[in-house]
Protein backbone atom coordinates (compact mmCIF):
# COMPACT_ATOMS: atom_id res chain seq x y z
CA MET A 1 -27.76 60.31 -76.43
CA ASN A 2 -27.07 56.58 -76.40
CA THR A 3 -27.52 54.59 -73.19
CA THR A 4 -26.70 50.90 -72.92
CA PHE A 5 -27.95 48.76 -70.04
CA ILE A 6 -25.81 45.70 -69.36
CA LEU A 7 -27.94 43.26 -67.40
CA GLY A 8 -26.76 40.20 -65.51
CA ASN A 9 -28.47 37.50 -63.50
CA GLY A 10 -29.22 39.94 -60.67
CA PHE A 11 -31.88 41.44 -62.92
CA ASP A 12 -33.76 38.14 -63.21
CA VAL A 13 -33.32 37.53 -59.48
CA CYS A 14 -34.96 40.91 -58.79
CA LEU A 15 -37.90 39.72 -60.88
CA GLY A 16 -38.27 36.67 -58.66
CA LEU A 17 -36.66 34.00 -60.83
CA LYS A 18 -34.64 31.26 -59.16
CA THR A 19 -31.67 31.65 -61.46
CA ARG A 20 -28.77 31.91 -59.03
CA TYR A 21 -26.03 29.32 -59.43
CA GLU A 22 -27.03 27.94 -56.03
CA ASP A 23 -30.61 27.43 -57.27
CA PHE A 24 -29.40 25.50 -60.31
CA TYR A 25 -26.83 23.41 -58.48
CA LYS A 26 -28.89 22.42 -55.46
CA GLY A 27 -32.29 22.39 -57.14
CA HIS A 28 -31.33 20.59 -60.32
CA TYR A 29 -27.76 19.51 -61.06
CA LEU A 30 -27.06 17.89 -57.70
CA LEU A 31 -30.31 15.92 -57.94
CA LEU A 32 -29.61 14.36 -61.33
CA LYS A 33 -29.29 10.58 -61.41
CA ARG A 34 -25.70 9.42 -61.75
CA ASP A 35 -26.34 5.79 -62.57
CA ASN A 36 -24.84 4.56 -65.84
CA LEU A 37 -22.79 7.74 -66.29
CA PRO A 38 -19.20 7.48 -67.53
CA THR A 39 -16.79 7.65 -64.61
CA TYR A 40 -15.30 10.99 -65.68
CA LEU A 41 -18.73 12.64 -65.86
CA LYS A 42 -19.79 11.19 -62.52
CA GLU A 43 -16.61 12.53 -60.94
CA PHE A 44 -17.25 15.95 -62.44
CA ARG A 45 -20.78 16.16 -61.06
CA GLU A 46 -19.53 15.10 -57.63
CA SER A 47 -16.53 17.44 -57.47
CA ILE A 48 -17.42 20.58 -59.45
CA GLN A 49 -18.65 22.37 -56.32
CA LYS A 50 -15.15 22.19 -54.87
CA TYR A 51 -13.83 24.05 -57.90
CA VAL A 52 -16.67 26.55 -58.04
CA SER A 53 -16.35 27.47 -54.35
CA ASN A 54 -12.54 27.61 -54.55
CA ASP A 55 -12.17 24.76 -52.06
CA GLY A 56 -14.93 26.09 -49.84
CA GLN A 57 -13.52 29.62 -49.55
CA LYS A 58 -16.67 31.05 -51.11
CA ALA A 59 -20.09 30.46 -49.52
CA ASP A 60 -22.77 28.94 -51.75
CA GLU A 61 -24.92 32.07 -51.66
CA ASP A 62 -21.97 34.19 -52.85
CA ILE A 63 -21.14 32.08 -55.90
CA ASP A 64 -21.73 33.74 -59.26
CA TRP A 65 -22.12 32.21 -62.70
CA SER A 66 -18.65 33.47 -63.57
CA ASP A 67 -17.32 31.25 -60.76
CA LEU A 68 -18.81 28.22 -62.52
CA GLU A 69 -17.31 29.31 -65.83
CA LEU A 70 -13.86 29.79 -64.32
CA ALA A 71 -14.24 26.39 -62.63
CA LEU A 72 -14.98 24.77 -66.00
CA GLY A 73 -11.74 26.16 -67.30
CA LYS A 74 -9.79 25.04 -64.25
CA TYR A 75 -11.35 21.57 -64.18
CA SER A 76 -9.69 20.80 -67.52
CA GLU A 77 -6.42 20.22 -65.64
CA ARG A 78 -7.86 16.93 -64.30
CA LEU A 79 -8.38 15.48 -67.76
CA GLN A 80 -6.23 14.22 -70.60
CA ASP A 81 -8.88 13.19 -73.09
CA PRO A 82 -10.27 16.24 -74.96
CA GLN A 83 -13.47 14.38 -75.82
CA GLU A 84 -14.20 13.80 -72.14
CA TYR A 85 -13.75 17.51 -71.48
CA LEU A 86 -16.04 18.38 -74.37
CA ASN A 87 -18.69 16.01 -73.03
CA ILE A 88 -18.49 17.63 -69.59
CA VAL A 89 -18.96 21.12 -70.98
CA LEU A 90 -21.86 19.94 -73.14
CA ASP A 91 -23.44 18.21 -70.12
CA ILE A 92 -23.47 21.35 -67.97
CA ASN A 93 -24.70 23.34 -70.96
CA ASP A 94 -27.61 20.97 -71.65
CA GLU A 95 -28.67 20.78 -68.00
CA LEU A 96 -28.46 24.54 -67.50
CA LYS A 97 -30.52 25.13 -70.62
CA SER A 98 -33.14 22.68 -69.36
CA TYR A 99 -33.28 24.38 -65.94
CA ILE A 100 -33.43 27.95 -67.27
CA THR A 101 -36.16 27.01 -69.75
CA VAL A 102 -38.44 26.04 -66.87
CA GLN A 103 -37.70 29.29 -65.02
CA ASP A 104 -38.26 31.37 -68.13
CA LYS A 105 -41.62 29.80 -68.96
CA ALA A 106 -42.86 30.42 -65.42
CA PHE A 107 -42.26 34.17 -65.59
CA ASN A 108 -45.16 36.48 -66.42
CA ILE A 109 -45.69 40.15 -65.64
CA ASP A 110 -48.64 42.53 -65.70
CA SER A 111 -48.59 45.95 -67.31
CA ASN A 112 -48.38 47.91 -64.04
CA LYS A 113 -45.22 46.14 -62.96
CA ALA A 114 -43.81 46.32 -66.47
CA ASN A 115 -44.43 50.07 -66.54
CA LYS A 116 -42.57 50.48 -63.24
CA ILE A 117 -39.53 48.68 -64.64
CA ILE A 118 -39.61 50.66 -67.88
CA LYS A 119 -39.70 53.87 -65.84
CA ASP A 120 -36.65 52.63 -63.96
CA PHE A 121 -34.88 52.14 -67.28
CA SER A 122 -35.76 55.65 -68.39
CA GLN A 123 -34.79 57.28 -65.07
CA PRO A 124 -32.14 55.25 -63.21
CA GLU A 125 -30.80 58.59 -61.96
CA SER A 126 -33.95 59.34 -59.96
CA THR A 127 -33.71 60.12 -56.25
CA ASN A 128 -35.31 56.72 -55.60
CA TYR A 129 -31.98 55.12 -56.47
CA MET A 130 -29.34 57.82 -56.09
CA ASN A 131 -28.46 60.35 -53.45
CA TYR A 132 -29.40 63.96 -54.06
CA GLN A 133 -26.03 65.06 -55.46
CA GLN A 134 -25.75 62.05 -57.78
CA HIS A 135 -29.25 62.79 -59.00
CA LEU A 136 -28.42 66.43 -59.75
CA ASP A 137 -25.19 65.49 -61.54
CA PHE A 138 -26.91 63.03 -63.86
CA LYS A 139 -29.87 65.29 -64.44
CA GLN A 140 -27.42 67.92 -65.67
CA PHE A 141 -25.44 65.33 -67.64
CA LYS A 142 -28.56 64.34 -69.57
CA LYS A 143 -29.58 67.95 -70.09
CA ASN A 144 -26.16 68.66 -71.56
CA GLN A 145 -26.65 65.97 -74.20
CA GLN A 146 -29.44 68.11 -75.70
CA SER A 147 -31.10 65.19 -77.44
CA ALA A 148 -33.49 62.29 -77.00
CA GLU A 149 -32.13 59.29 -75.10
CA TYR A 150 -31.95 56.01 -77.00
CA ILE A 151 -31.81 52.96 -74.74
CA ASN A 152 -30.34 49.64 -75.86
CA PHE A 153 -29.95 46.47 -73.83
CA MET A 154 -27.07 44.04 -73.72
CA THR A 155 -28.05 41.16 -71.48
CA PHE A 156 -25.98 38.23 -70.25
CA ASN A 157 -29.19 36.39 -69.34
CA TYR A 158 -30.60 33.50 -71.35
CA THR A 159 -34.19 34.27 -70.40
CA SER A 160 -36.83 36.30 -72.23
CA THR A 161 -37.85 38.29 -69.15
CA LEU A 162 -36.81 41.58 -70.72
CA GLU A 163 -38.81 40.92 -73.88
CA LYS A 164 -41.87 40.01 -71.80
CA ILE A 165 -41.54 43.29 -69.88
CA LEU A 166 -41.28 45.31 -73.08
CA GLU A 167 -44.28 43.51 -74.57
CA SER A 168 -46.41 44.05 -71.43
CA ARG A 169 -45.78 47.76 -70.93
CA ASP A 170 -48.30 50.43 -71.85
CA THR A 171 -46.75 51.95 -74.97
CA LYS A 172 -49.15 54.90 -74.75
CA VAL A 173 -47.32 56.21 -71.69
CA PRO A 174 -44.64 58.66 -72.92
CA LEU A 175 -41.14 58.17 -71.53
CA SER A 176 -38.72 60.91 -70.57
CA ASN A 177 -35.52 61.16 -68.58
CA GLN A 178 -34.90 63.59 -65.75
CA GLY A 179 -33.05 65.88 -68.09
CA GLY A 180 -36.38 66.61 -69.75
CA TYR A 181 -35.78 64.74 -73.01
CA SER A 182 -37.81 61.89 -74.50
CA VAL A 183 -36.67 58.28 -74.13
CA VAL A 184 -36.80 55.74 -76.95
CA ILE A 185 -36.52 52.03 -76.15
CA LYS A 186 -34.48 50.24 -78.82
CA ASP A 187 -33.13 46.69 -79.08
CA VAL A 188 -32.26 43.73 -76.85
CA LEU A 189 -28.99 41.88 -77.51
CA HIS A 190 -28.51 38.51 -75.82
CA ILE A 191 -24.73 38.25 -75.92
CA HIS A 192 -24.78 34.75 -74.35
CA SER A 193 -27.81 33.63 -76.38
CA ASN A 194 -31.53 33.53 -75.72
CA ILE A 195 -33.15 30.33 -74.51
CA THR A 196 -35.94 30.44 -77.10
CA LYS A 197 -34.34 32.08 -80.14
CA ASP A 198 -30.77 30.78 -80.33
CA PRO A 199 -29.49 27.27 -81.12
CA ALA A 200 -27.45 26.97 -77.90
CA ILE A 201 -26.59 28.94 -74.79
CA LEU A 202 -23.04 30.08 -74.09
CA VAL A 203 -21.39 28.85 -70.90
CA GLY A 204 -17.64 29.19 -70.76
CA VAL A 205 -14.60 31.39 -70.59
CA ASN A 206 -13.47 34.65 -72.12
CA SER A 207 -10.31 33.37 -73.81
CA PRO A 208 -8.13 30.23 -74.17
CA ASP A 209 -5.78 31.32 -71.36
CA GLN A 210 -8.60 30.55 -68.90
CA ILE A 211 -8.44 26.84 -69.86
CA ALA A 212 -6.03 25.37 -67.31
CA ASN A 213 -4.98 22.39 -69.44
CA SER A 214 -2.62 24.00 -71.94
CA ALA A 215 -2.91 20.96 -74.24
CA PHE A 216 -6.58 21.85 -74.81
CA ARG A 217 -5.93 25.49 -75.73
CA ASN A 218 -5.19 24.60 -79.35
CA ASN A 219 -8.03 22.11 -79.73
CA GLN A 220 -10.38 23.80 -82.19
CA ASP A 221 -13.44 21.80 -81.10
CA ILE A 222 -12.94 22.74 -77.46
CA LEU A 223 -12.37 26.39 -78.29
CA ASP A 224 -15.57 26.49 -80.36
CA VAL A 225 -17.60 25.23 -77.41
CA ILE A 226 -16.14 26.97 -74.37
CA VAL A 227 -14.65 30.31 -75.48
CA LYS A 228 -17.79 32.46 -75.61
CA PRO A 229 -16.74 35.18 -78.08
CA ARG A 230 -15.47 32.47 -80.42
CA THR A 231 -18.75 30.56 -80.12
CA ASN A 232 -20.65 33.64 -81.25
CA ASP A 233 -18.29 33.92 -84.22
CA MET A 234 -18.80 30.24 -85.02
CA PHE A 235 -22.56 30.79 -85.21
CA GLY A 236 -22.01 33.85 -87.39
CA ASN A 237 -24.67 35.75 -85.45
CA GLY A 238 -22.92 39.12 -85.49
CA LYS A 239 -23.38 39.54 -81.73
CA ASN A 240 -19.76 40.36 -80.92
CA ALA A 241 -19.71 43.14 -83.51
CA ALA A 242 -23.12 44.44 -82.40
CA ALA A 243 -22.07 44.55 -78.73
CA THR A 244 -18.80 46.26 -79.59
CA ASP A 245 -20.65 48.86 -81.63
CA LEU A 246 -23.13 49.46 -78.81
CA LEU A 247 -20.45 50.05 -76.19
CA ASN A 248 -18.23 52.13 -78.45
CA ASN A 249 -21.12 54.51 -79.15
CA SER A 250 -22.60 54.74 -75.64
CA HIS A 251 -22.57 58.00 -73.73
CA LEU A 252 -23.91 56.24 -70.63
CA ILE A 253 -23.46 52.58 -69.65
CA VAL A 254 -25.58 51.18 -66.83
CA LEU A 255 -24.51 47.94 -65.13
CA PHE A 256 -27.11 46.02 -63.17
CA GLY A 257 -26.96 42.54 -61.69
CA VAL A 258 -23.53 41.74 -63.09
CA SER A 259 -20.63 40.26 -61.16
CA VAL A 260 -18.03 41.87 -63.46
CA GLY A 261 -16.45 38.42 -63.68
CA ASP A 262 -13.28 37.59 -65.58
CA THR A 263 -15.08 35.27 -67.99
CA ASP A 264 -16.58 38.35 -69.68
CA ARG A 265 -13.35 40.34 -69.64
CA LYS A 266 -13.76 41.30 -73.30
CA TRP A 267 -16.70 43.57 -72.51
CA TRP A 268 -15.22 45.16 -69.37
CA GLU A 269 -12.10 46.05 -71.35
CA LEU A 270 -14.21 47.80 -73.97
CA ILE A 271 -15.86 49.83 -71.22
CA GLY A 272 -12.41 50.55 -69.79
CA ASN A 273 -11.27 51.93 -73.13
CA ARG A 274 -14.26 54.29 -73.20
CA LEU A 275 -13.55 55.43 -69.64
CA ALA A 276 -9.84 55.93 -70.34
CA HIS A 277 -10.79 58.40 -73.04
CA SER A 278 -13.49 60.04 -70.88
CA ALA A 279 -15.93 59.10 -73.64
CA CYS A 280 -18.75 57.87 -71.39
CA GLN A 281 -20.04 57.65 -67.85
CA VAL A 282 -21.09 54.52 -65.96
CA ILE A 283 -23.80 53.86 -63.41
CA TYR A 284 -22.96 50.65 -61.55
CA PHE A 285 -25.77 49.20 -59.41
CA VAL A 286 -24.39 47.02 -56.62
CA TYR A 287 -25.92 45.16 -53.72
CA ASP A 288 -24.47 44.09 -50.38
CA ASN A 289 -26.11 42.45 -47.41
CA PRO A 290 -27.88 45.39 -45.67
CA ALA A 291 -27.14 43.82 -42.29
CA GLU A 292 -23.43 44.28 -42.96
CA SER A 293 -23.70 47.80 -44.39
CA LYS A 294 -22.48 50.75 -42.33
CA PRO A 295 -23.55 54.20 -43.61
CA LEU A 296 -20.30 55.87 -42.57
CA LEU A 297 -18.36 53.45 -44.79
CA ILE A 298 -20.36 54.17 -47.96
CA GLY A 299 -17.44 56.15 -49.43
CA SER A 300 -15.15 53.17 -48.96
CA LYS A 301 -17.72 50.86 -50.53
CA ARG A 302 -18.07 53.12 -53.56
CA ARG A 303 -14.32 53.20 -54.12
CA TYR A 304 -14.16 49.42 -53.75
CA TYR A 305 -16.71 48.86 -56.53
CA GLN A 306 -15.28 51.61 -58.74
CA ASP A 307 -11.87 49.99 -58.47
CA LYS A 308 -13.33 46.52 -59.05
CA LEU A 309 -14.73 47.66 -62.39
CA LEU A 310 -11.58 49.54 -63.36
CA LYS A 311 -9.44 46.50 -62.52
CA ALA A 312 -11.73 44.18 -64.49
CA ALA A 313 -11.46 46.63 -67.37
CA GLY A 314 -7.70 46.14 -67.45
CA LEU A 315 -6.81 49.68 -66.41
CA SER A 316 -3.72 50.57 -64.42
CA GLU A 317 -4.12 51.26 -60.71
CA LYS A 318 -2.20 54.50 -61.12
CA ASP A 319 -5.13 55.79 -63.18
CA PHE A 320 -7.88 54.79 -60.72
CA ASN A 321 -7.97 58.13 -58.91
CA ASN A 322 -8.41 59.97 -62.22
CA LEU A 323 -11.21 57.72 -63.48
CA ARG A 324 -13.39 57.00 -60.45
CA TYR A 325 -15.41 60.17 -61.02
CA LEU A 326 -16.79 58.64 -64.24
CA ILE A 327 -18.34 55.72 -62.31
CA THR A 328 -21.37 56.36 -60.12
CA ILE A 329 -22.18 53.62 -57.62
CA ALA A 330 -25.89 53.12 -56.90
CA TYR A 331 -25.83 51.15 -53.67
CA ASN A 332 -28.47 48.71 -52.35
CA THR A 333 -31.41 50.13 -54.33
CA THR A 334 -34.81 48.67 -55.20
CA CYS A 335 -34.39 49.46 -58.90
CA PHE A 336 -36.18 46.86 -61.08
CA CYS A 337 -37.56 45.04 -58.05
CA ILE A 338 -41.23 44.08 -58.23
């Protein structure tokens, strides 16, 4: 049985890292000196928040990294010079890399906490994180596979937190899922690059249509820098093919800490194709403000997030009712929290 965890920034936030967009913008980017900057770059640093927040319609604490990436694409409409746009994208890339490097270096974990997280990876279907019926359904699902469970990781994060966890765990402790089969931890794939191992991090859009300035959509230099799947191809790192292979061969896909944003549409569509053919199941961990959560509306919340994923995956709304059963929503859990 093949299980793939897709991890977003919410995973690092659970580990205590200050890696939200709000942390970066207010704690780093907004504080940068603007003296001697070219006018176009100064204007970008002063006005990007307007684009990211959709003219203030989205509160700072609700802004995701995908909002920044979409804003980068939209901001292109203000410019005519492609070199200026390139310089802006490179500026945000360099500053984000600098900020994340500091956060990454500060993270350490002891073996006890690492073991707890590894157990969460091996048993996300436990009653700690799912209701009783969900737990029974997945326990039976894993039993029915009649094989060991092989866990791979596809992370959108630039940090090495996952590698540090894997290195700190007690490898003498045997792992098993709740179906009674052994669990084997496999590889970590940084689809947007790793801060320490890759030449550059990927910050940008899913495809050229997300670049608002149509004149820039045929500029090869711009496409190399801001269209993330293309950037991976430019580096020749094989990551797009590896991620595609992972998802196409997964029996279970677990989403944690991801916003399911449009700037990673490529991957949601691959998941959608698997769901459309009933070839896999999905566990989607989501989090809402507990103060605003009403237990009697949990069914509505589940359908909202199921439909959010199905829509992001490019599936037709007429098929939603037939596919929701393949997506289990784990709501407001403490999974991976330390």
